Amino acid sequence: MNLENLDKYKKLLLSILFDAIGFVPFIDIIWAPLSGYLMTKMYKGIPGKVAGIIALIEEAIPGTDVIPTFSLMWVYTYIIKKQKSNIT
């Protein structure tokens, strides 16, 4: 599966799924590095790398699993960033 070629709605569905997986207790040791890797594959460039590091840290720290990191990155990529590019 080539994650970089997915259209934005497939990425949205995957983001929601990956955020839901992050809610599962006791899988943080496996999920934390995997979520960081998946984030960098879904979102390229510096924003994807930064989001990957944030996802890794967020999943590794107990009690922060409620933050929907993947969905927030989707919103940034397809809504916020797009609005900024339309303004300039």
PDB file of N, CA and C in Angstrom:
ATOM      1  N   MET A   1       0.845  -1.173   0.000  1.00  0.00           N
ATOM      2  CA  MET A   1       0.000   0.000   0.000  1.00  0.00           C
ATOM      3  C   MET A   1       0.895   1.242   0.000  1.00  0.00           C
ATOM      4  N   ASN A   2       0.739   2.090  -0.991  1.00  0.00           N
ATOM      5  CA  ASN A   2       1.527   3.318  -1.099  1.00  0.00           C
ATOM      6  C   ASN A   2       0.733   4.468  -0.502  1.00  0.00           C
ATOM      7  N   LEU A   3       1.076   4.819   0.729  1.00  0.00           N
ATOM      8  CA  LEU A   3       0.293   5.819   1.467  1.00  0.00           C
ATOM      9  C   LEU A   3       0.412   7.216   0.894  1.00  0.00           C
ATOM     10  N   GLU A   4       1.510   7.514   0.204  1.00  0.00           N
ATOM     11  CA  GLU A   4       1.680   8.881  -0.295  1.00  0.00           C
ATOM     12  C   GLU A   4       0.757   9.213  -1.454  1.00  0.00           C
ATOM     13  N   ASN A   5       0.189   8.225  -2.128  1.00  0.00           N
ATOM     14  CA  ASN A   5      -0.679   8.478  -3.277  1.00  0.00           C
ATOM     15  C   ASN A   5      -2.163   8.417  -2.944  1.00  0.00           C
ATOM     16  N   LEU A   6      -2.492   8.282  -1.688  1.00  0.00           N
ATOM     17  CA  LEU A   6      -3.905   8.240  -1.302  1.00  0.00           C
ATOM     18  C   LEU A   6      -4.526   9.615  -1.448  1.00  0.00           C
ATOM     19  N   ASP A   7      -5.751   9.654  -1.885  1.00  0.00           N
ATOM     20  CA  ASP A   7      -6.413  10.956  -1.954  1.00  0.00           C
ATOM     21  C   ASP A   7      -6.813  11.410  -0.551  1.00  0.00           C
ATOM     22  N   LYS A   8      -7.241  12.628  -0.441  1.00  0.00           N
ATOM     23  CA  LYS A   8      -7.439  13.214   0.881  1.00  0.00           C
ATOM     24  C   LYS A   8      -8.520  12.540   1.707  1.00  0.00           C
ATOM     25  N   TYR A   9      -9.536  11.983   1.090  1.00  0.00           N
ATOM     26  CA  TYR A   9     -10.584  11.350   1.878  1.00  0.00           C
ATOM     27  C   TYR A   9     -10.174   9.976   2.380  1.00  0.00           C
ATOM     28  N   LYS A  10      -9.368   9.287   1.624  1.00  0.00           N
ATOM     29  CA  LYS A  10      -8.816   8.031   2.128  1.00  0.00           C
ATOM     30  C   LYS A  10      -7.878   8.319   3.293  1.00  0.00           C
ATOM     31  N   LYS A  11      -7.113   9.408   3.182  1.00  0.00           N
ATOM     32  CA  LYS A  11      -6.243   9.793   4.292  1.00  0.00           C
ATOM     33  C   LYS A  11      -7.062  10.176   5.519  1.00  0.00           C
ATOM     34  N   LEU A  12      -8.199  10.814   5.314  1.00  0.00           N
ATOM     35  CA  LEU A  12      -9.063  11.165   6.437  1.00  0.00           C
ATOM     36  C   LEU A  12      -9.560   9.905   7.143  1.00  0.00           C
ATOM     37  N   LEU A  13     -10.027   8.940   6.365  1.00  0.00           N
ATOM     38  CA  LEU A  13     -10.504   7.687   6.962  1.00  0.00           C
ATOM     39  C   LEU A  13      -9.380   6.963   7.697  1.00  0.00           C
ATOM     40  N   LEU A  14      -8.200   6.915   7.082  1.00  0.00           N
ATOM     41  CA  LEU A  14      -7.058   6.293   7.748  1.00  0.00           C
ATOM     42  C   LEU A  14      -6.675   7.061   9.010  1.00  0.00           C
ATOM     43  N   SER A  15      -6.739   8.376   8.954  1.00  0.00           N
ATOM     44  CA  SER A  15      -6.410   9.188  10.123  1.00  0.00           C
ATOM     45  C   SER A  15      -7.347   8.880  11.285  1.00  0.00           C
ATOM     46  N   ILE A  16      -8.621   8.773  10.998  1.00  0.00           N
ATOM     47  CA  ILE A  16      -9.601   8.450  12.042  1.00  0.00           C
ATOM     48  C   ILE A  16      -9.333   7.049  12.594  1.00  0.00           C
ATOM     49  N   LEU A  17      -9.046   6.104  11.713  1.00  0.00           N
ATOM     50  CA  LEU A  17      -8.733   4.739  12.139  1.00  0.00           C
ATOM     51  C   LEU A  17      -7.481   4.711  13.010  1.00  0.00           C
ATOM     52  N   PHE A  18      -6.421   5.388  12.572  1.00  0.00           N
ATOM     53  CA  PHE A  18      -5.170   5.392  13.325  1.00  0.00           C
ATOM     54  C   PHE A  18      -5.349   6.084  14.680  1.00  0.00           C
ATOM     55  N   ASP A  19      -6.144   7.145  14.721  1.00  0.00           N
ATOM     56  CA  ASP A  19      -6.428   7.790  16.007  1.00  0.00           C
ATOM     57  C   ASP A  19      -7.197   6.836  16.925  1.00  0.00           C
ATOM     58  N   ALA A  20      -8.120   6.073  16.367  1.00  0.00           N
ATOM     59  CA  ALA A  20      -8.885   5.109  17.160  1.00  0.00           C
ATOM     60  C   ALA A  20      -7.971   4.006  17.701  1.00  0.00           C
ATOM     61  N   ILE A  21      -7.035   3.555  16.889  1.00  0.00           N
ATOM     62  CA  ILE A  21      -6.075   2.548  17.357  1.00  0.00           C
ATOM     63  C   ILE A  21      -5.276   3.093  18.534  1.00  0.00           C
ATOM     64  N   GLY A  22      -4.949   4.368  18.487  1.00  0.00           N
ATOM     65  CA  GLY A  22      -4.205   4.990  19.582  1.00  0.00           C
ATOM     66  C   GLY A  22      -4.942   4.994  20.905  1.00  0.00           C
ATOM     67  N   PHE A  23      -6.263   4.861  20.873  1.00  0.00           N
ATOM     68  CA  PHE A  23      -7.058   4.820  22.101  1.00  0.00           C
ATOM     69  C   PHE A  23      -6.992   3.459  22.802  1.00  0.00           C
ATOM     70  N   VAL A  24      -6.566   2.424  22.080  1.00  0.00           N
ATOM     71  CA  VAL A  24      -6.522   1.082  22.656  1.00  0.00           C
ATOM     72  C   VAL A  24      -5.435   1.035  23.735  1.00  0.00           C
ATOM     73  N   PRO A  25      -5.822   0.644  24.944  1.00  0.00           N
ATOM     74  CA  PRO A  25      -4.825   0.626  26.015  1.00  0.00           C
ATOM     75  C   PRO A  25      -3.806  -0.506  25.840  1.00  0.00           C
ATOM     76  N   PHE A  26      -2.640  -0.293  26.373  1.00  0.00           N
ATOM     77  CA  PHE A  26      -1.587  -1.293  26.471  1.00  0.00           C
ATOM     78  C   PHE A  26      -0.918  -1.677  25.157  1.00  0.00           C
ATOM     79  N   ILE A  27      -1.102  -0.902  24.097  1.00  0.00           N
ATOM     80  CA  ILE A  27      -0.369  -1.187  22.860  1.00  0.00           C
ATOM     81  C   ILE A  27       0.600  -0.050  22.523  1.00  0.00           C
ATOM     82  N   ASP A  28       0.792   0.857  23.465  1.00  0.00           N
ATOM     83  CA  ASP A  28       1.608   2.046  23.202  1.00  0.00           C
ATOM     84  C   ASP A  28       3.048   1.713  22.819  1.00  0.00           C
ATOM     85  N   ILE A  29       3.614   0.681  23.385  1.00  0.00           N
ATOM     86  CA  ILE A  29       5.001   0.330  23.072  1.00  0.00           C
ATOM     87  C   ILE A  29       5.150  -0.007  21.593  1.00  0.00           C
ATOM     88  N   ILE A  30       4.174  -0.664  21.034  1.00  0.00           N
ATOM     89  CA  ILE A  30       4.202  -1.017  19.611  1.00  0.00           C
ATOM     90  C   ILE A  30       3.674   0.137  18.762  1.00  0.00           C
ATOM     91  N   TRP A  31       2.587   0.760  19.203  1.00  0.00           N
ATOM     92  CA  TRP A  31       1.902   1.762  18.396  1.00  0.00           C
ATOM     93  C   TRP A  31       2.660   3.080  18.298  1.00  0.00           C
ATOM     94  N   ALA A  32       3.385   3.478  19.334  1.00  0.00           N
ATOM     95  CA  ALA A  32       4.069   4.778  19.325  1.00  0.00           C
ATOM     96  C   ALA A  32       5.047   4.904  18.152  1.00  0.00           C
ATOM     97  N   PRO A  33       6.001   3.991  17.985  1.00  0.00           N
ATOM     98  CA  PRO A  33       6.908   4.146  16.839  1.00  0.00           C
ATOM     99  C   PRO A  33       6.209   3.922  15.497  1.00  0.00           C
ATOM    100  N   LEU A  34       5.237   3.018  15.482  1.00  0.00           N
ATOM    101  CA  LEU A  34       4.516   2.758  14.238  1.00  0.00           C
ATOM    102  C   LEU A  34       3.697   3.975  13.814  1.00  0.00           C
ATOM    103  N   SER A  35       3.081   4.658  14.765  1.00  0.00           N
ATOM    104  CA  SER A  35       2.292   5.842  14.421  1.00  0.00           C
ATOM    105  C   SER A  35       3.185   6.955  13.886  1.00  0.00           C
ATOM    106  N   GLY A  36       4.366   7.112  14.465  1.00  0.00           N
ATOM    107  CA  GLY A  36       5.311   8.106  13.951  1.00  0.00           C
ATOM    108  C   GLY A  36       5.730   7.797  12.526  1.00  0.00           C
ATOM    109  N   TYR A  37       6.004   6.523  12.262  1.00  0.00           N
ATOM    110  CA  TYR A  37       6.392   6.096  10.906  1.00  0.00           C
ATOM    111  C   TYR A  37       5.252   6.323   9.915  1.00  0.00           C
ATOM    112  N   LEU A  38       4.053   5.907  10.285  1.00  0.00           N
ATOM    113  CA  LEU A  38       2.905   6.060   9.385  1.00  0.00           C
ATOM    114  C   LEU A  38       2.610   7.528   9.092  1.00  0.00           C
ATOM    115  N   MET A  39       2.778   8.380  10.090  1.00  0.00           N
ATOM    116  CA  MET A  39       2.549   9.808   9.895  1.00  0.00           C
ATOM    117  C   MET A  39       3.504  10.364   8.838  1.00  0.00           C
ATOM    118  N   THR A  40       4.778   9.962   8.906  1.00  0.00           N
ATOM    119  CA  THR A  40       5.746  10.471   7.924  1.00  0.00           C
ATOM    120  C   THR A  40       5.476   9.924   6.526  1.00  0.00           C
ATOM    121  N   LYS A  41       4.867   8.770   6.424  1.00  0.00           N
ATOM    122  CA  LYS A  41       4.531   8.210   5.109  1.00  0.00           C
ATOM    123  C   LYS A  41       3.276   8.852   4.525  1.00  0.00           C
ATOM    124  N   MET A  42       2.332   9.203   5.376  1.00  0.00           N
ATOM    125  CA  MET A  42       1.097   9.819   4.895  1.00  0.00           C
ATOM    126  C   MET A  42       1.288  11.280   4.519  1.00  0.00           C
ATOM    127  N   TYR A  43       2.131  11.982   5.276  1.00  0.00           N
ATOM    128  CA  TYR A  43       2.318  13.417   5.078  1.00  0.00           C
ATOM    129  C   TYR A  43       3.799  13.689   4.876  1.00  0.00           C
ATOM    130  N   LYS A  44       4.168  14.049   3.681  1.00  0.00           N
ATOM    131  CA  LYS A  44       5.573  14.222   3.299  1.00  0.00           C
ATOM    132  C   LYS A  44       6.130  15.569   3.755  1.00  0.00           C
ATOM    133  N   GLY A  45       7.424  15.675   3.663  1.00  0.00           N
ATOM    134  CA  GLY A  45       8.116  16.926   3.945  1.00  0.00           C
ATOM    135  C   GLY A  45       8.296  17.186   5.428  1.00  0.00           C
ATOM    136  N   ILE A  46       8.690  18.399   5.711  1.00  0.00           N
ATOM    137  CA  ILE A  46       8.948  18.799   7.091  1.00  0.00           C
ATOM    138  C   ILE A  46       7.695  18.686   7.963  1.00  0.00           C
ATOM    139  N   PRO A  47       6.510  19.120   7.481  1.00  0.00           N
ATOM    140  CA  PRO A  47       5.315  18.959   8.336  1.00  0.00           C
ATOM    141  C   PRO A  47       5.060  17.495   8.721  1.00  0.00           C
ATOM    142  N   GLY A  48       5.269  16.576   7.803  1.00  0.00           N
ATOM    143  CA  GLY A  48       5.077  15.159   8.101  1.00  0.00           C
ATOM    144  C   GLY A  48       6.087  14.636   9.109  1.00  0.00           C
ATOM    145  N   LYS A  49       7.325  15.101   8.995  1.00  0.00           N
ATOM    146  CA  LYS A  49       8.353  14.676   9.952  1.00  0.00           C
ATOM    147  C   LYS A  49       8.062  15.217  11.344  1.00  0.00           C
ATOM    148  N   VAL A  50       7.683  16.484  11.409  1.00  0.00           N
ATOM    149  CA  VAL A  50       7.344  17.084  12.707  1.00  0.00           C
ATOM    150  C   VAL A  50       6.139  16.361  13.313  1.00  0.00           C
ATOM    151  N   ALA A  51       5.121  16.113  12.500  1.00  0.00           N
ATOM    152  CA  ALA A  51       3.927  15.409  12.983  1.00  0.00           C
ATOM    153  C   ALA A  51       4.276  13.983  13.404  1.00  0.00           C
ATOM    154  N   GLY A  52       5.204  13.341  12.701  1.00  0.00           N
ATOM    155  CA  GLY A  52       5.636  11.998  13.077  1.00  0.00           C
ATOM    156  C   GLY A  52       6.288  11.979  14.448  1.00  0.00           C
ATOM    157  N   ILE A  53       7.121  12.961  14.721  1.00  0.00           N
ATOM    158  CA  ILE A  53       7.764  13.059  16.033  1.00  0.00           C
ATOM    159  C   ILE A  53       6.715  13.335  17.114  1.00  0.00           C
ATOM    160  N   ILE A  54       5.788  14.232  16.812  1.00  0.00           N
ATOM    161  CA  ILE A  54       4.718  14.535  17.771  1.00  0.00           C
ATOM    162  C   ILE A  54       3.868  13.296  18.035  1.00  0.00           C
ATOM    163  N   ALA A  55       3.532  12.544  16.978  1.00  0.00           N
ATOM    164  CA  ALA A  55       2.727  11.332  17.143  1.00  0.00           C
ATOM    165  C   ALA A  55       3.469  10.309  18.000  1.00  0.00           C
ATOM    166  N   LEU A  56       4.750  10.141  17.758  1.00  0.00           N
ATOM    167  CA  LEU A  56       5.563   9.207  18.540  1.00  0.00           C
ATOM    168  C   LEU A  56       5.547   9.594  20.017  1.00  0.00           C
ATOM    169  N   ILE A  57       5.807  10.852  20.305  1.00  0.00           N
ATOM    170  CA  ILE A  57       5.844  11.321  21.691  1.00  0.00           C
ATOM    171  C   ILE A  57       4.464  11.232  22.337  1.00  0.00           C
ATOM    172  N   GLU A  58       3.447  11.662  21.595  1.00  0.00           N
ATOM    173  CA  GLU A  58       2.080  11.668  22.136  1.00  0.00           C
ATOM    174  C   GLU A  58       1.606  10.260  22.473  1.00  0.00           C
ATOM    175  N   GLU A  59       1.931   9.307  21.647  1.00  0.00           N
ATOM    176  CA  GLU A  59       1.513   7.924  21.912  1.00  0.00           C
ATOM    177  C   GLU A  59       2.356   7.273  23.005  1.00  0.00           C
ATOM    178  N   ALA A  60       3.577   7.724  23.182  1.00  0.00           N
ATOM    179  CA  ALA A  60       4.459   7.126  24.187  1.00  0.00           C
ATOM    180  C   ALA A  60       4.159   7.633  25.604  1.00  0.00           C
ATOM    181  N   ILE A  61       3.610   8.837  25.710  1.00  0.00           N
ATOM    182  CA  ILE A  61       3.330   9.412  27.030  1.00  0.00           C
ATOM    183  C   ILE A  61       1.941   8.959  27.487  1.00  0.00           C
ATOM    184  N   PRO A  62       1.881   8.296  28.637  1.00  0.00           N
ATOM    185  CA  PRO A  62       0.576   7.838  29.138  1.00  0.00           C
ATOM    186  C   PRO A  62      -0.376   9.015  29.382  1.00  0.00           C
ATOM    187  N   GLY A  63      -1.629   8.802  29.029  1.00  0.00           N
ATOM    188  CA  GLY A  63      -2.659   9.804  29.270  1.00  0.00           C
ATOM    189  C   GLY A  63      -2.870  10.799  28.142  1.00  0.00           C
ATOM    190  N   THR A  64      -2.013  10.775  27.126  1.00  0.00           N
ATOM    191  CA  THR A  64      -2.168  11.723  26.016  1.00  0.00           C
ATOM    192  C   THR A  64      -2.769  11.072  24.781  1.00  0.00           C
ATOM    193  N   ASP A  65      -3.221   9.844  24.918  1.00  0.00           N
ATOM    194  CA  ASP A  65      -3.778   9.117  23.773  1.00  0.00           C
ATOM    195  C   ASP A  65      -5.059   9.743  23.236  1.00  0.00           C
ATOM    196  N   VAL A  66      -5.657  10.632  23.966  1.00  0.00           N
ATOM    197  CA  VAL A  66      -6.925  11.239  23.539  1.00  0.00           C
ATOM    198  C   VAL A  66      -6.734  12.311  22.475  1.00  0.00           C
ATOM    199  N   ILE A  67      -5.506  12.711  22.211  1.00  0.00           N
ATOM    200  CA  ILE A  67      -5.242  13.733  21.191  1.00  0.00           C
ATOM    201  C   ILE A  67      -5.294  13.077  19.811  1.00  0.00           C
ATOM    202  N   PRO A  68      -6.185  13.519  18.930  1.00  0.00           N
ATOM    203  CA  PRO A  68      -6.306  12.902  17.597  1.00  0.00           C
ATOM    204  C   PRO A  68      -5.240  13.455  16.630  1.00  0.00           C
ATOM    205  N   THR A  69      -4.009  13.034  16.818  1.00  0.00           N
ATOM    206  CA  THR A  69      -2.871  13.588  16.087  1.00  0.00           C
ATOM    207  C   THR A  69      -3.025  13.452  14.576  1.00  0.00           C
ATOM    208  N   PHE A  70      -3.427  12.275  14.104  1.00  0.00           N
ATOM    209  CA  PHE A  70      -3.575  12.059  12.665  1.00  0.00           C
ATOM    210  C   PHE A  70      -4.657  12.952  12.075  1.00  0.00           C
ATOM    211  N   SER A  71      -5.779  13.055  12.769  1.00  0.00           N
ATOM    212  CA  SER A  71      -6.875  13.890  12.272  1.00  0.00           C
ATOM    213  C   SER A  71      -6.502  15.364  12.285  1.00  0.00           C
ATOM    214  N   LEU A  72      -5.769  15.789  13.307  1.00  0.00           N
ATOM    215  CA  LEU A  72      -5.308  17.177  13.349  1.00  0.00           C
ATOM    216  C   LEU A  72      -4.356  17.479  12.199  1.00  0.00           C
ATOM    217  N   MET A  73      -3.501  16.522  11.860  1.00  0.00           N
ATOM    218  CA  MET A  73      -2.582  16.723  10.736  1.00  0.00           C
ATOM    219  C   MET A  73      -3.354  16.790   9.421  1.00  0.00           C
ATOM    220  N   TRP A  74      -4.408  15.997   9.299  1.00  0.00           N
ATOM    221  CA  TRP A  74      -5.240  16.052   8.089  1.00  0.00           C
ATOM    222  C   TRP A  74      -5.886  17.429   7.971  1.00  0.00           C
ATOM    223  N   VAL A  75      -6.432  17.946   9.076  1.00  0.00           N
ATOM    224  CA  VAL A  75      -7.051  19.270   9.074  1.00  0.00           C
ATOM    225  C   VAL A  75      -6.019  20.325   8.686  1.00  0.00           C
ATOM    226  N   TYR A  76      -4.832  20.232   9.257  1.00  0.00           N
ATOM    227  CA  TYR A  76      -3.780  21.195   8.917  1.00  0.00           C
ATOM    228  C   TYR A  76      -3.448  21.131   7.419  1.00  0.00           C
ATOM    229  N   THR A  77      -3.275  19.920   6.900  1.00  0.00           N
ATOM    230  CA  THR A  77      -2.857  19.739   5.506  1.00  0.00           C
ATOM    231  C   THR A  77      -3.916  20.172   4.513  1.00  0.00           C
ATOM    232  N   TYR A  78      -5.160  19.744   4.731  1.00  0.00           N
ATOM    233  CA  TYR A  78      -6.185  19.945   3.711  1.00  0.00           C
ATOM    234  C   TYR A  78      -7.121  21.120   3.955  1.00  0.00           C
ATOM    235  N   ILE A  79      -7.086  21.710   5.135  1.00  0.00           N
ATOM    236  CA  ILE A  79      -7.960  22.859   5.397  1.00  0.00           C
ATOM    237  C   ILE A  79      -7.136  24.109   5.701  1.00  0.00           C
ATOM    238  N   ILE A  80      -6.326  24.059   6.747  1.00  0.00           N
ATOM    239  CA  ILE A  80      -5.572  25.250   7.163  1.00  0.00           C
ATOM    240  C   ILE A  80      -4.532  25.638   6.117  1.00  0.00           C
ATOM    241  N   LYS A  81      -3.715  24.699   5.705  1.00  0.00           N
ATOM    242  CA  LYS A  81      -2.658  24.987   4.729  1.00  0.00           C
ATOM    243  C   LYS A  81      -3.249  25.430   3.392  1.00  0.00           C
ATOM    244  N   LYS A  82      -4.369  24.811   2.998  1.00  0.00           N
ATOM    245  CA  LYS A  82      -5.017  25.177   1.748  1.00  0.00           C
ATOM    246  C   LYS A  82      -5.561  26.609   1.812  1.00  0.00           C
ATOM    247  N   GLN A  83      -6.143  26.976   2.955  1.00  0.00           N
ATOM    248  CA  GLN A  83      -6.658  28.342   3.120  1.00  0.00           C
ATOM    249  C   GLN A  83      -5.529  29.345   3.061  1.00  0.00           C
ATOM    250  N   LYS A  84      -4.384  29.025   3.663  1.00  0.00           N
ATOM    251  CA  LYS A  84      -3.245  29.934   3.624  1.00  0.00           C
ATOM    252  C   LYS A  84      -2.751  30.109   2.197  1.00  0.00           C
ATOM    253  N   SER A  85      -2.710  29.039   1.413  1.00  0.00           N
ATOM    254  CA  SER A  85      -2.225  29.144   0.034  1.00  0.00           C
ATOM    255  C   SER A  85      -3.207  29.898  -0.865  1.00  0.00           C
ATOM    256  N   ASN A  86      -4.497  29.867  -0.526  1.00  0.00           N
ATOM    257  CA  ASN A  86      -5.493  30.612  -1.292  1.00  0.00           C
ATOM    258  C   ASN A  86      -5.439  32.111  -0.998  1.00  0.00           C
ATOM    259  N   ILE A  87      -4.974  32.472   0.178  1.00  0.00           N
ATOM    260  CA  ILE A  87      -4.890  33.877   0.571  1.00  0.00           C
ATOM    261  C   ILE A  87      -3.742  34.568  -0.155  1.00  0.00           C
ATOM    262  N   THR A  88      -2.622  33.876  -0.281  1.00  0.00           N
ATOM    263  CA  THR A  88      -1.458  34.501  -0.912  1.00  0.00           C
ATOM    264  C   THR A  88      -1.472  34.429  -2.404  1.00  0.00           C
TER     265      THR A  88
END
